[in-house]
N, C-alpha and C. Protein backbone atom coordinates (compact mmCIF):
# COMPACT_ATOMS: atom_id res chain seq x y z
N UNK A 1 60.41 -74.41 -34.50
CA UNK A 1 59.71 -73.19 -34.40
C UNK A 1 58.37 -73.45 -33.72
N UNK A 2 58.00 -72.56 -32.78
CA UNK A 2 56.74 -72.75 -32.05
C UNK A 2 55.69 -71.79 -32.58
N UNK A 3 54.43 -72.13 -32.31
CA UNK A 3 53.31 -71.29 -32.74
C UNK A 3 52.88 -70.41 -31.57
N UNK A 4 53.19 -69.10 -31.65
CA UNK A 4 52.86 -68.17 -30.56
C UNK A 4 51.38 -67.82 -30.50
N UNK A 5 50.60 -68.25 -31.47
CA UNK A 5 49.18 -67.92 -31.48
C UNK A 5 48.35 -68.86 -30.63
N UNK A 6 48.88 -70.00 -30.26
CA UNK A 6 48.15 -70.94 -29.41
C UNK A 6 48.26 -70.51 -27.95
N UNK A 7 47.13 -70.54 -27.20
CA UNK A 7 47.20 -70.15 -25.79
C UNK A 7 47.98 -71.16 -24.97
N UNK A 8 48.67 -70.64 -23.98
CA UNK A 8 49.42 -71.52 -23.09
C UNK A 8 48.48 -72.13 -22.06
N UNK A 9 48.99 -73.10 -21.33
CA UNK A 9 48.20 -73.72 -20.27
C UNK A 9 47.84 -72.69 -19.21
N UNK A 10 48.76 -71.78 -18.90
CA UNK A 10 48.48 -70.72 -17.92
C UNK A 10 47.36 -69.80 -18.40
N UNK A 11 47.38 -69.47 -19.72
CA UNK A 11 46.33 -68.61 -20.27
C UNK A 11 44.97 -69.30 -20.19
N UNK A 12 44.92 -70.57 -20.51
CA UNK A 12 43.67 -71.31 -20.44
C UNK A 12 43.15 -71.38 -19.01
N UNK A 13 44.03 -71.57 -18.06
CA UNK A 13 43.63 -71.62 -16.65
C UNK A 13 43.11 -70.25 -16.20
N UNK A 14 43.74 -69.17 -16.65
CA UNK A 14 43.28 -67.81 -16.29
C UNK A 14 41.90 -67.53 -16.87
N UNK A 15 41.68 -67.93 -18.09
CA UNK A 15 40.36 -67.75 -18.72
C UNK A 15 39.31 -68.55 -17.97
N UNK A 16 39.64 -69.76 -17.57
CA UNK A 16 38.69 -70.59 -16.83
C UNK A 16 38.36 -69.96 -15.48
N UNK A 17 39.36 -69.39 -14.79
CA UNK A 17 39.11 -68.70 -13.52
C UNK A 17 38.19 -67.50 -13.73
N UNK A 18 38.41 -66.76 -14.81
CA UNK A 18 37.53 -65.61 -15.11
C UNK A 18 36.09 -66.08 -15.37
N UNK A 19 35.93 -67.17 -16.10
CA UNK A 19 34.59 -67.71 -16.36
C UNK A 19 33.91 -68.10 -15.04
N UNK A 20 34.65 -68.73 -14.15
CA UNK A 20 34.09 -69.12 -12.85
C UNK A 20 33.71 -67.88 -12.03
N UNK A 21 34.56 -66.84 -12.06
CA UNK A 21 34.25 -65.60 -11.34
C UNK A 21 32.99 -64.94 -11.89
N UNK A 22 32.86 -64.90 -13.21
CA UNK A 22 31.67 -64.30 -13.82
C UNK A 22 30.43 -65.11 -13.47
N UNK A 23 30.53 -66.43 -13.51
CA UNK A 23 29.38 -67.28 -13.15
C UNK A 23 28.98 -67.05 -11.69
N UNK A 24 29.97 -66.96 -10.79
CA UNK A 24 29.68 -66.71 -9.38
C UNK A 24 29.03 -65.33 -9.20
N UNK A 25 29.53 -64.32 -9.91
CA UNK A 25 28.97 -62.98 -9.83
C UNK A 25 27.53 -62.95 -10.34
N UNK A 26 27.27 -63.66 -11.42
CA UNK A 26 25.89 -63.74 -11.94
C UNK A 26 24.94 -64.33 -10.90
N UNK A 27 25.38 -65.36 -10.21
CA UNK A 27 24.55 -65.97 -9.17
C UNK A 27 24.31 -64.99 -8.02
N UNK A 28 25.31 -64.19 -7.67
CA UNK A 28 25.16 -63.22 -6.59
C UNK A 28 24.15 -62.14 -6.91
N UNK A 29 24.12 -61.68 -8.16
CA UNK A 29 23.21 -60.57 -8.51
C UNK A 29 21.93 -61.06 -9.17
N UNK A 30 21.77 -62.37 -9.28
CA UNK A 30 20.60 -62.93 -9.93
C UNK A 30 19.29 -62.48 -9.26
N UNK A 31 19.27 -62.44 -7.94
CA UNK A 31 18.03 -62.11 -7.23
C UNK A 31 18.03 -60.69 -6.68
N UNK A 32 19.14 -59.98 -6.75
CA UNK A 32 19.18 -58.66 -6.14
C UNK A 32 20.28 -57.81 -6.77
N UNK A 33 19.90 -56.58 -7.10
CA UNK A 33 20.85 -55.59 -7.57
C UNK A 33 20.78 -54.42 -6.61
N UNK A 34 21.89 -53.95 -6.13
CA UNK A 34 21.90 -52.86 -5.17
C UNK A 34 22.46 -51.60 -5.82
N UNK A 35 21.66 -50.54 -5.77
CA UNK A 35 22.09 -49.26 -6.32
C UNK A 35 21.27 -48.17 -5.66
N UNK A 36 21.70 -46.92 -5.78
CA UNK A 36 20.96 -45.81 -5.17
C UNK A 36 20.07 -45.10 -6.18
N UNK A 37 20.25 -45.36 -7.47
CA UNK A 37 19.47 -44.68 -8.49
C UNK A 37 19.28 -45.59 -9.69
N UNK A 38 18.02 -45.63 -10.15
CA UNK A 38 17.68 -46.40 -11.34
C UNK A 38 16.82 -45.51 -12.22
N UNK A 39 17.11 -45.49 -13.51
CA UNK A 39 16.27 -44.77 -14.47
C UNK A 39 15.84 -45.78 -15.52
N UNK A 40 14.53 -45.87 -15.74
CA UNK A 40 13.98 -46.74 -16.77
C UNK A 40 13.61 -45.85 -17.94
N UNK A 41 14.10 -46.21 -19.12
CA UNK A 41 13.84 -45.42 -20.32
C UNK A 41 12.88 -46.17 -21.24
N UNK A 42 12.18 -45.39 -22.08
CA UNK A 42 11.33 -46.02 -23.09
C UNK A 42 12.16 -46.33 -24.33
N UNK A 43 11.52 -46.82 -25.37
CA UNK A 43 12.24 -47.23 -26.59
C UNK A 43 12.96 -46.08 -27.26
N UNK A 44 12.48 -44.84 -27.07
CA UNK A 44 13.12 -43.68 -27.70
C UNK A 44 14.29 -43.14 -26.87
N UNK A 45 14.49 -43.69 -25.66
CA UNK A 45 15.58 -43.23 -24.80
C UNK A 45 15.17 -42.16 -23.80
N UNK A 46 13.88 -41.82 -23.73
CA UNK A 46 13.40 -40.82 -22.78
C UNK A 46 13.22 -41.45 -21.39
N UNK A 47 13.64 -40.72 -20.36
CA UNK A 47 13.43 -41.18 -18.98
C UNK A 47 11.94 -41.31 -18.72
N UNK A 48 11.50 -42.44 -18.17
CA UNK A 48 10.08 -42.65 -17.89
C UNK A 48 9.82 -42.98 -16.42
N UNK A 49 10.76 -43.64 -15.75
CA UNK A 49 10.63 -43.97 -14.33
C UNK A 49 11.97 -43.67 -13.67
N UNK A 50 11.92 -42.95 -12.56
CA UNK A 50 13.14 -42.65 -11.82
C UNK A 50 12.96 -43.14 -10.39
N UNK A 51 13.87 -43.98 -9.93
CA UNK A 51 13.86 -44.46 -8.55
C UNK A 51 15.15 -43.99 -7.90
N UNK A 52 15.03 -43.36 -6.74
CA UNK A 52 16.23 -42.92 -6.03
C UNK A 52 16.09 -43.26 -4.55
N UNK A 53 17.22 -43.51 -3.93
CA UNK A 53 17.27 -43.76 -2.50
C UNK A 53 18.46 -42.99 -1.95
N UNK A 54 18.19 -41.84 -1.35
CA UNK A 54 19.23 -41.05 -0.73
C UNK A 54 19.36 -41.50 0.72
N UNK A 55 20.12 -40.77 1.50
CA UNK A 55 20.35 -41.17 2.90
C UNK A 55 19.05 -41.32 3.68
N UNK A 56 18.10 -40.38 3.50
CA UNK A 56 16.89 -40.43 4.32
C UNK A 56 15.58 -40.41 3.52
N UNK A 57 15.64 -40.37 2.19
CA UNK A 57 14.43 -40.29 1.38
C UNK A 57 14.51 -41.26 0.20
N UNK A 58 13.41 -41.98 -0.02
CA UNK A 58 13.26 -42.83 -1.21
C UNK A 58 12.19 -42.21 -2.09
N UNK A 59 12.44 -42.15 -3.39
CA UNK A 59 11.48 -41.54 -4.32
C UNK A 59 11.29 -42.44 -5.55
N UNK A 60 10.04 -42.43 -6.04
CA UNK A 60 9.71 -43.04 -7.32
C UNK A 60 8.96 -41.96 -8.09
N UNK A 61 9.40 -41.66 -9.30
CA UNK A 61 8.75 -40.65 -10.13
C UNK A 61 8.41 -41.27 -11.47
N UNK A 62 7.15 -41.11 -11.89
CA UNK A 62 6.71 -41.56 -13.21
C UNK A 62 6.63 -40.33 -14.11
N UNK A 63 7.25 -40.42 -15.27
CA UNK A 63 7.43 -39.27 -16.15
C UNK A 63 6.69 -39.53 -17.45
N UNK A 64 5.97 -38.50 -17.95
CA UNK A 64 5.26 -38.69 -19.22
C UNK A 64 6.26 -38.64 -20.38
N UNK A 65 5.84 -38.97 -21.60
CA UNK A 65 6.77 -39.02 -22.72
C UNK A 65 7.49 -37.69 -23.02
N UNK A 66 6.93 -36.58 -22.57
CA UNK A 66 7.55 -35.27 -22.81
C UNK A 66 8.46 -34.82 -21.67
N UNK A 67 8.69 -35.68 -20.68
CA UNK A 67 9.60 -35.34 -19.60
C UNK A 67 8.94 -34.71 -18.38
N UNK A 68 7.61 -34.59 -18.37
CA UNK A 68 6.90 -34.00 -17.24
C UNK A 68 6.72 -35.03 -16.13
N UNK A 69 7.07 -34.65 -14.90
CA UNK A 69 6.93 -35.56 -13.76
C UNK A 69 5.46 -35.60 -13.34
N UNK A 70 4.76 -36.62 -13.79
CA UNK A 70 3.31 -36.71 -13.61
C UNK A 70 2.91 -37.26 -12.26
N UNK A 71 3.61 -38.26 -11.76
CA UNK A 71 3.22 -38.95 -10.53
C UNK A 71 4.47 -39.26 -9.73
N UNK A 72 4.41 -39.00 -8.42
CA UNK A 72 5.56 -39.28 -7.58
C UNK A 72 5.17 -39.84 -6.23
N UNK A 73 6.05 -40.66 -5.69
CA UNK A 73 5.90 -41.23 -4.36
C UNK A 73 7.17 -40.89 -3.60
N UNK A 74 7.02 -40.56 -2.33
CA UNK A 74 8.19 -40.26 -1.51
C UNK A 74 7.99 -40.85 -0.12
N UNK A 75 9.03 -41.48 0.39
CA UNK A 75 8.99 -42.03 1.74
C UNK A 75 10.27 -41.61 2.45
N UNK A 76 10.10 -41.06 3.64
CA UNK A 76 11.24 -40.65 4.46
C UNK A 76 11.02 -41.16 5.87
N UNK A 77 11.92 -40.81 6.75
CA UNK A 77 11.85 -41.28 8.12
C UNK A 77 10.54 -40.90 8.80
N UNK A 78 10.04 -39.70 8.57
CA UNK A 78 8.87 -39.23 9.31
C UNK A 78 7.69 -38.85 8.43
N UNK A 79 7.75 -39.15 7.12
CA UNK A 79 6.61 -38.79 6.27
C UNK A 79 6.55 -39.62 5.00
N UNK A 80 5.37 -39.61 4.40
CA UNK A 80 5.16 -40.23 3.09
C UNK A 80 4.26 -39.33 2.28
N UNK A 81 4.49 -39.24 0.97
CA UNK A 81 3.71 -38.36 0.09
C UNK A 81 3.46 -39.07 -1.23
N UNK A 82 2.23 -38.91 -1.74
CA UNK A 82 1.90 -39.29 -3.11
C UNK A 82 1.50 -37.99 -3.80
N UNK A 83 2.12 -37.71 -4.95
CA UNK A 83 1.87 -36.44 -5.65
C UNK A 83 1.46 -36.73 -7.09
N UNK A 84 0.34 -36.11 -7.51
CA UNK A 84 -0.11 -36.20 -8.90
C UNK A 84 -0.14 -34.77 -9.43
N UNK A 85 0.55 -34.53 -10.55
CA UNK A 85 0.70 -33.17 -11.06
C UNK A 85 0.08 -33.01 -12.43
N UNK A 86 -0.43 -31.79 -12.65
CA UNK A 86 -0.92 -31.39 -13.96
C UNK A 86 -0.05 -30.27 -14.50
N UNK A 87 0.19 -30.29 -15.78
CA UNK A 87 1.02 -29.28 -16.43
C UNK A 87 0.29 -27.94 -16.43
N UNK A 88 1.00 -26.84 -16.19
CA UNK A 88 0.41 -25.51 -16.20
C UNK A 88 1.24 -24.60 -17.12
N UNK A 89 0.77 -23.38 -17.28
CA UNK A 89 1.50 -22.38 -18.07
C UNK A 89 2.66 -21.78 -17.27
N UNK A 90 2.64 -21.94 -15.95
CA UNK A 90 3.70 -21.37 -15.12
C UNK A 90 4.86 -22.37 -14.97
N UNK A 91 5.88 -21.97 -14.25
CA UNK A 91 7.02 -22.85 -13.98
C UNK A 91 6.70 -23.89 -12.91
N UNK A 92 5.58 -23.71 -12.20
CA UNK A 92 5.22 -24.60 -11.11
C UNK A 92 3.95 -25.38 -11.46
N UNK A 93 3.97 -26.70 -11.29
CA UNK A 93 2.79 -27.48 -11.63
C UNK A 93 1.66 -27.30 -10.62
N UNK A 94 0.46 -27.55 -11.07
CA UNK A 94 -0.67 -27.68 -10.16
C UNK A 94 -0.73 -29.16 -9.81
N UNK A 95 -0.99 -29.44 -8.54
CA UNK A 95 -0.90 -30.83 -8.11
C UNK A 95 -1.78 -31.09 -6.91
N UNK A 96 -1.97 -32.36 -6.64
CA UNK A 96 -2.62 -32.79 -5.41
C UNK A 96 -1.62 -33.68 -4.67
N UNK A 97 -1.46 -33.41 -3.39
CA UNK A 97 -0.57 -34.20 -2.53
C UNK A 97 -1.40 -34.93 -1.49
N UNK A 98 -1.19 -36.20 -1.36
CA UNK A 98 -1.76 -36.98 -0.28
C UNK A 98 -0.58 -37.31 0.63
N UNK A 99 -0.68 -36.94 1.91
CA UNK A 99 0.49 -37.07 2.77
C UNK A 99 0.14 -37.63 4.14
N UNK A 100 1.17 -38.14 4.81
CA UNK A 100 1.07 -38.61 6.19
C UNK A 100 2.38 -38.25 6.88
N UNK A 101 2.25 -37.57 8.01
CA UNK A 101 3.42 -37.17 8.80
C UNK A 101 3.34 -37.87 10.15
N UNK A 102 4.45 -38.37 10.62
CA UNK A 102 4.50 -39.00 11.94
C UNK A 102 4.29 -37.95 13.03
N UNK A 103 3.89 -38.37 14.22
CA UNK A 103 3.63 -37.43 15.31
C UNK A 103 4.86 -36.60 15.68
N UNK A 104 4.59 -35.35 16.04
CA UNK A 104 5.61 -34.45 16.59
C UNK A 104 5.09 -33.89 17.90
N UNK A 105 5.90 -33.82 18.90
CA UNK A 105 5.55 -33.18 20.17
C UNK A 105 4.22 -33.69 20.74
N UNK A 106 4.01 -35.00 20.71
CA UNK A 106 2.80 -35.62 21.26
C UNK A 106 1.51 -35.13 20.60
N UNK A 107 1.58 -34.67 19.35
CA UNK A 107 0.40 -34.18 18.65
C UNK A 107 -0.39 -35.29 17.96
N UNK A 108 0.22 -36.41 17.67
CA UNK A 108 -0.43 -37.47 16.91
C UNK A 108 -0.07 -37.36 15.44
N UNK A 109 -0.35 -38.41 14.70
CA UNK A 109 -0.06 -38.42 13.26
C UNK A 109 -0.90 -37.36 12.56
N UNK A 110 -0.36 -36.77 11.51
CA UNK A 110 -1.02 -35.71 10.73
C UNK A 110 -1.13 -36.22 9.30
N UNK A 111 -2.36 -36.34 8.79
CA UNK A 111 -2.58 -36.85 7.44
C UNK A 111 -3.50 -35.91 6.69
N UNK A 112 -3.42 -35.93 5.37
CA UNK A 112 -4.30 -35.07 4.63
C UNK A 112 -4.11 -35.09 3.13
N UNK A 113 -4.88 -34.21 2.51
CA UNK A 113 -4.85 -33.97 1.07
C UNK A 113 -4.67 -32.47 0.90
N UNK A 114 -3.74 -32.08 0.03
CA UNK A 114 -3.48 -30.66 -0.20
C UNK A 114 -3.56 -30.39 -1.69
N UNK A 115 -4.27 -29.31 -2.06
CA UNK A 115 -4.35 -28.88 -3.46
C UNK A 115 -3.39 -27.72 -3.66
N UNK A 116 -2.59 -27.82 -4.71
CA UNK A 116 -1.57 -26.81 -4.99
C UNK A 116 -1.85 -26.25 -6.39
N UNK A 117 -2.03 -24.93 -6.47
CA UNK A 117 -2.30 -24.25 -7.73
C UNK A 117 -1.06 -23.47 -8.15
N UNK A 118 -0.39 -23.93 -9.19
CA UNK A 118 0.82 -23.30 -9.70
C UNK A 118 1.84 -22.99 -8.60
N UNK A 119 2.06 -23.97 -7.75
CA UNK A 119 3.06 -23.85 -6.69
C UNK A 119 2.54 -23.28 -5.38
N UNK A 120 1.30 -22.81 -5.32
CA UNK A 120 0.73 -22.21 -4.11
C UNK A 120 -0.30 -23.14 -3.50
N UNK A 121 -0.14 -23.44 -2.22
CA UNK A 121 -1.10 -24.27 -1.50
C UNK A 121 -2.40 -23.48 -1.36
N UNK A 122 -3.52 -24.03 -1.87
CA UNK A 122 -4.78 -23.28 -1.88
C UNK A 122 -5.91 -23.95 -1.11
N UNK A 123 -5.84 -25.24 -0.87
CA UNK A 123 -6.93 -25.90 -0.15
C UNK A 123 -6.44 -27.23 0.39
N UNK A 124 -7.16 -27.72 1.41
CA UNK A 124 -6.78 -29.00 1.95
C UNK A 124 -7.83 -29.59 2.87
N UNK A 125 -7.65 -30.86 3.12
CA UNK A 125 -8.47 -31.59 4.06
C UNK A 125 -7.49 -32.37 4.91
N UNK A 126 -7.41 -32.04 6.20
CA UNK A 126 -6.39 -32.63 7.07
C UNK A 126 -7.00 -33.09 8.38
N UNK A 127 -6.26 -33.97 9.05
CA UNK A 127 -6.66 -34.41 10.37
C UNK A 127 -5.40 -34.73 11.18
N UNK A 128 -5.41 -34.31 12.42
CA UNK A 128 -4.40 -34.73 13.38
C UNK A 128 -5.04 -35.82 14.20
N UNK A 129 -4.33 -36.89 14.42
CA UNK A 129 -4.84 -38.07 15.11
C UNK A 129 -5.70 -37.69 16.32
N UNK A 130 -6.87 -38.31 16.41
CA UNK A 130 -7.81 -38.16 17.52
C UNK A 130 -8.40 -36.76 17.64
N UNK A 131 -8.36 -35.98 16.57
CA UNK A 131 -8.97 -34.65 16.57
C UNK A 131 -9.92 -34.54 15.38
N UNK A 132 -10.82 -33.58 15.41
CA UNK A 132 -11.74 -33.44 14.27
C UNK A 132 -10.98 -33.04 13.00
N UNK A 133 -11.44 -33.50 11.85
CA UNK A 133 -10.80 -33.11 10.60
C UNK A 133 -11.01 -31.63 10.31
N UNK A 134 -10.14 -31.09 9.48
CA UNK A 134 -10.19 -29.67 9.16
C UNK A 134 -10.14 -29.51 7.64
N UNK A 135 -11.03 -28.68 7.12
CA UNK A 135 -11.02 -28.31 5.72
C UNK A 135 -10.61 -26.86 5.65
N UNK A 136 -9.75 -26.51 4.72
CA UNK A 136 -9.32 -25.12 4.64
C UNK A 136 -9.11 -24.72 3.18
N UNK A 137 -9.28 -23.45 2.91
CA UNK A 137 -9.01 -22.88 1.59
C UNK A 137 -8.35 -21.52 1.78
N UNK A 138 -7.56 -21.14 0.81
CA UNK A 138 -6.94 -19.83 0.79
C UNK A 138 -7.74 -18.94 -0.15
N UNK A 139 -7.97 -17.69 0.23
CA UNK A 139 -8.71 -16.80 -0.69
C UNK A 139 -7.90 -16.56 -1.97
N UNK A 140 -8.60 -16.46 -3.07
CA UNK A 140 -7.93 -16.20 -4.35
C UNK A 140 -7.80 -14.73 -4.59
């Protein structure tokens, strides 16, 4: 009578091949992990950092403990934005955007700071490359 509970030589060889494959895979991802979306959570399980890379835009968003998107960075083919937001009573945050846009139609790079009050652009300080800066406000 044989003992069916003991692994066969083939089983042991298969397990060893799996161990080698796992070791090789660990070495491959040791220095780099490739993905399009990463969410970092705090100890309570709340999303705190969101990193995404779509076809043409990369974003990093820092989220406060209550789920409010407080700080964001965005980079795309022709622009970059840093956004800092404050919570408001409306559905739209008040925020400040610092941005840079690549040249269009031989105009030169366009950079600036924009103030947004509950979703409405109300003031800014901008400059188009090689031109005088411009300050603007919207009447309330």
